[in-house]
Protein backbone atom coordinates (compact mmCIF):
# COMPACT_ATOMS: atom_id res chain seq x y z
CA MET A 1 -5.54 4.94 -22.35
CA LEU A 2 -6.10 6.58 -18.95
CA ALA A 3 -3.83 4.01 -17.32
CA ALA A 4 -0.91 4.66 -19.69
CA HIS A 5 0.37 7.47 -17.45
CA CYS A 6 0.48 5.08 -14.51
CA ASN A 7 2.70 2.47 -16.16
CA GLY A 8 5.95 4.40 -15.74
CA CYS A 9 5.87 4.15 -11.94
CA HIS A 10 3.35 1.43 -11.16
CA GLY A 11 4.16 -0.97 -13.99
CA LEU A 12 2.01 -2.48 -16.70
CA ASN A 13 -1.48 -3.20 -15.39
CA GLY A 14 -0.58 -1.94 -11.90
CA VAL A 15 2.18 -4.48 -11.23
CA SER A 16 5.14 -2.41 -10.09
CA ALA A 17 8.61 -3.38 -11.27
CA GLY A 18 10.44 -1.25 -8.70
CA PRO A 19 10.65 -1.13 -4.92
CA ALA A 20 9.60 2.51 -4.43
CA SER A 21 6.19 2.30 -6.12
CA PRO A 22 3.38 0.06 -4.94
CA SER A 23 1.60 -2.53 -6.98
CA PHE A 24 -2.16 -2.18 -6.92
CA ALA A 25 -3.41 -4.63 -9.54
CA GLY A 26 -6.46 -6.38 -8.15
CA PHE A 27 -7.02 -3.89 -5.31
CA ASP A 28 -10.53 -3.19 -4.12
CA ARG A 29 -12.19 -0.68 -6.46
CA GLN A 30 -13.62 1.48 -3.69
CA PHE A 31 -10.25 1.63 -1.94
CA LEU A 32 -8.59 2.79 -5.17
CA ILE A 33 -11.24 5.44 -5.77
CA ARG A 34 -10.80 6.81 -2.26
CA VAL A 35 -6.99 6.94 -2.44
CA LEU A 36 -6.95 8.55 -5.88
CA GLN A 37 -9.49 11.15 -4.74
CA GLU A 38 -7.40 11.84 -1.63
CA PHE A 39 -4.40 12.53 -3.85
CA ARG A 40 -6.48 14.77 -6.10
CA ASN A 41 -7.88 16.66 -3.12
CA GLY A 42 -4.47 17.16 -1.46
CA GLU A 43 -5.34 14.91 1.48
CA ARG A 44 -2.26 12.67 1.14
CA VAL A 45 1.47 13.26 1.29
CA PRO A 46 2.37 15.40 -1.73
CA THR A 47 4.10 13.32 -4.37
CA ILE A 48 3.82 13.36 -8.10
CA MET A 49 0.49 11.59 -7.54
CA ASP A 50 -1.27 14.69 -6.25
CA ARG A 51 -0.16 16.66 -9.29
CA ILE A 52 -1.16 13.91 -11.72
CA MET A 53 -4.56 13.27 -10.16
CA THR A 54 -5.61 16.93 -10.38
CA GLY A 55 -5.92 16.33 -14.12
CA TYR A 56 -8.46 13.52 -13.74
CA THR A 57 -12.21 13.91 -13.32
CA ALA A 58 -14.20 11.89 -10.81
CA GLY A 59 -15.47 9.73 -13.68
CA GLN A 60 -11.96 9.06 -14.95
CA ILE A 61 -10.85 8.11 -11.44
CA ARG A 62 -13.71 5.60 -11.27
CA GLN A 63 -12.65 4.22 -14.67
CA LEU A 64 -9.03 3.84 -13.52
CA ALA A 65 -10.11 2.14 -10.30
CA THR A 66 -12.35 -0.27 -12.19
CA TYR A 67 -9.56 -1.12 -14.63
CA TYR A 68 -6.97 -1.79 -11.92
CA ALA A 69 -9.43 -3.71 -9.72
CA GLU A 70 -9.96 -6.11 -12.65
CA GLN A 71 -6.22 -6.86 -13.04
CA SER A 72 -4.47 -9.83 -11.39
CA TRP A 73 -2.27 -9.34 -8.33
CA GLN A 74 1.39 -10.34 -8.67
CA SER A 75 3.64 -10.38 -5.62
CA ALA A 76 7.03 -8.68 -5.67
CA ASP A 77 9.93 -11.11 -6.00
CA VAL A 78 12.53 -9.93 -3.49
CA PRO A 79 15.23 -11.54 -1.34
CA LEU A 80 14.11 -11.79 2.27
CA ASP A 81 15.78 -12.22 5.67
CA PRO A 82 14.23 -15.28 7.41
CA GLY A 83 14.92 -13.82 10.87
CA ALA A 84 13.22 -10.56 10.00
CA VAL A 85 10.29 -12.44 8.45
CA ALA A 86 9.82 -14.42 11.69
CA GLU A 87 9.98 -11.26 13.81
CA GLY A 88 7.56 -9.55 11.44
CA LYS A 89 5.14 -12.47 11.79
CA ARG A 90 5.27 -12.08 15.59
CA LEU A 91 4.61 -8.33 15.32
CA HIS A 92 1.82 -8.89 12.79
CA ASP A 93 0.10 -11.38 15.09
CA GLU A 94 0.47 -9.01 18.03
CA ALA A 95 -0.49 -5.67 16.50
CA CYS A 96 -1.77 -5.96 12.93
CA ALA A 97 -3.70 -9.19 12.35
CA GLU A 98 -7.06 -7.80 13.46
CA CYS A 99 -7.26 -5.45 10.44
CA HIS A 100 -4.72 -6.99 8.06
CA GLU A 101 -6.29 -10.42 8.06
CA GLU A 102 -4.98 -13.44 6.16
CA GLU A 103 -1.38 -12.28 6.75
CA GLY A 104 -2.08 -9.11 4.79
CA ARG A 105 -3.89 -10.71 1.86
CA TYR A 106 -7.33 -9.51 2.94
CA GLN A 107 -8.54 -6.25 1.43
CA ASP A 108 -11.68 -4.21 1.33
CA ARG A 109 -12.65 -0.58 0.77
CA ASP A 110 -10.69 0.49 3.88
CA THR A 111 -7.81 -1.97 4.00
CA PRO A 112 -5.35 -2.51 1.15
CA ARG A 113 -3.64 -5.78 0.36
CA ILE A 114 -0.11 -5.59 1.75
CA ALA A 115 0.91 -9.25 1.34
CA GLY A 116 3.44 -9.55 -1.47
CA GLN A 117 4.01 -5.79 -1.68
CA TRP A 118 7.48 -4.30 -2.09
CA PRO A 119 9.14 -4.12 1.36
CA ASP A 120 10.86 -0.77 0.65
CA TYR A 121 7.50 0.77 -0.18
CA LEU A 122 5.92 -0.73 2.94
CA VAL A 123 8.67 0.64 5.17
CA PHE A 124 8.21 4.11 3.66
CA GLN A 125 4.47 3.94 4.29
CA LEU A 126 4.87 2.62 7.84
CA LEU A 127 7.38 5.34 8.68
CA THR A 128 5.00 7.96 7.32
CA TYR A 129 2.06 6.51 9.26
CA ARG A 130 4.12 6.42 12.46
CA ASP A 131 6.09 9.66 12.18
CA ARG A 132 3.73 11.89 10.18
CA PRO A 133 0.21 10.60 10.91
CA GLU A 134 -1.32 13.81 9.55
CA ALA A 135 0.21 13.11 6.12
CA ILE A 136 -2.05 10.19 5.19
CA PRO A 137 -5.63 9.60 6.31
CA GLN A 138 -5.66 6.55 8.54
CA PRO A 139 -7.74 4.93 11.25
CA THR A 140 -6.85 5.74 14.85
CA LYS A 141 -6.17 2.04 15.37
CA MET A 142 -3.36 2.17 12.78
CA ARG A 143 -1.66 5.07 14.58
CA GLU A 144 -2.03 3.35 17.92
CA SER A 145 -0.59 0.08 16.57
CA LEU A 146 2.57 1.82 15.38
CA VAL A 147 3.29 3.76 18.57
CA GLY A 148 6.38 2.32 20.20
CA LEU A 149 7.52 0.31 17.18
CA ALA A 150 11.16 0.91 16.27
CA ASP A 151 12.43 1.29 12.72
CA ALA A 152 13.74 -2.30 12.92
CA ASP A 153 10.22 -3.48 13.81
CA LEU A 154 8.82 -1.73 10.73
CA GLN A 155 11.53 -3.36 8.59
CA ALA A 156 10.58 -6.76 10.03
CA LEU A 157 6.88 -6.18 9.33
CA ALA A 158 7.70 -5.21 5.74
CA GLN A 159 9.80 -8.36 5.32
CA PHE A 160 6.98 -10.50 6.68
CA TYR A 161 4.35 -8.98 4.41
CA ALA A 162 6.63 -9.22 1.39
CA SER A 163 7.05 -12.94 2.13
CA GLN A 164 3.31 -13.54 1.86
CA ARG A 165 2.18 -14.37 -1.67
């Protein structure tokens, strides 16, 4: 029942049906707990998420994270530009592969799965990380990796990650 409020934006069982909201089915439980707590505590970019999460207790956040961690990941099905995917692969190998292993499939308590995610959502996040680093807690290495990347580079990275299933 706690997850029912999430379905409108993030889809049934955490599988988003729209490009502006991320899927998070199958994400690492500890990662989900941390992100949801950051929203609740006002440590992330204000969206509807910060307002929603203020209504949840720490125990309810743990329950939500457990539920979504147990769901199966499903990649977004989107048309992709092969040239952008190839350029994104080059950029990934050069600047991102050390943390986003397995072409973005790897995840743990600090690193979310980005392979198969909606490219529009990824671009939004990358722009925020690059242009407003104070808006979302992130490792210094992430900020440093994005310095000097143009908007077109971020689009290419998003295309590459979306192509990974």
